[in-house]
Amino acid sequence: MTTPSEVEYSIFSPGFHSQRITTNGTTLHVRVGGAGPAVILLHGYGETGDMWSPLAAKLAATCTVIIPDLRGMGLSDRPAGGYDKKTQGHDVAGVLDALEVEQADLVTMISATWSGMPLPRNILPGCGGSF
């Protein structure tokens, strides 16, 4: 039987690829596409990065778009712990480090618990614009 992580699928436009990034004691499923200043899109609780597909297609015209499935969600690993904001902030920083991204715009769901999340590095404006 094939598990979801073994099946290659994409609801994202051509030019996006998926990869697994090991960081901070877990491995995250991450989609990356486009070129230009970086923007990272973080989904809310109970969602996955797939929710960003329509916006990602628009942003990819002018930005490098980074879309992880957060720990325990989607195709990312499900470790026993580490679901607090601080740990997940380090997960996100680890993704950016692995991709050699020094700064990025941060886009989150308004209903997500990310507002006020302490990221362990500065995430600075880069992509800009209205979407």
Foldseek 3Di string as FASTA:
>chain_A
DDDPLRDDDDPADPQKDWDWADFLNWIKIKIKGADWAEAEEEEAPPDAQNVCRVVCNVLRPHYIYMGIGFAPDDSIHPDPDQPDLQSSLRVVVRVCVVVVHQAYHYHYDPPHPNVVRDRPHDHDDTRDDDD
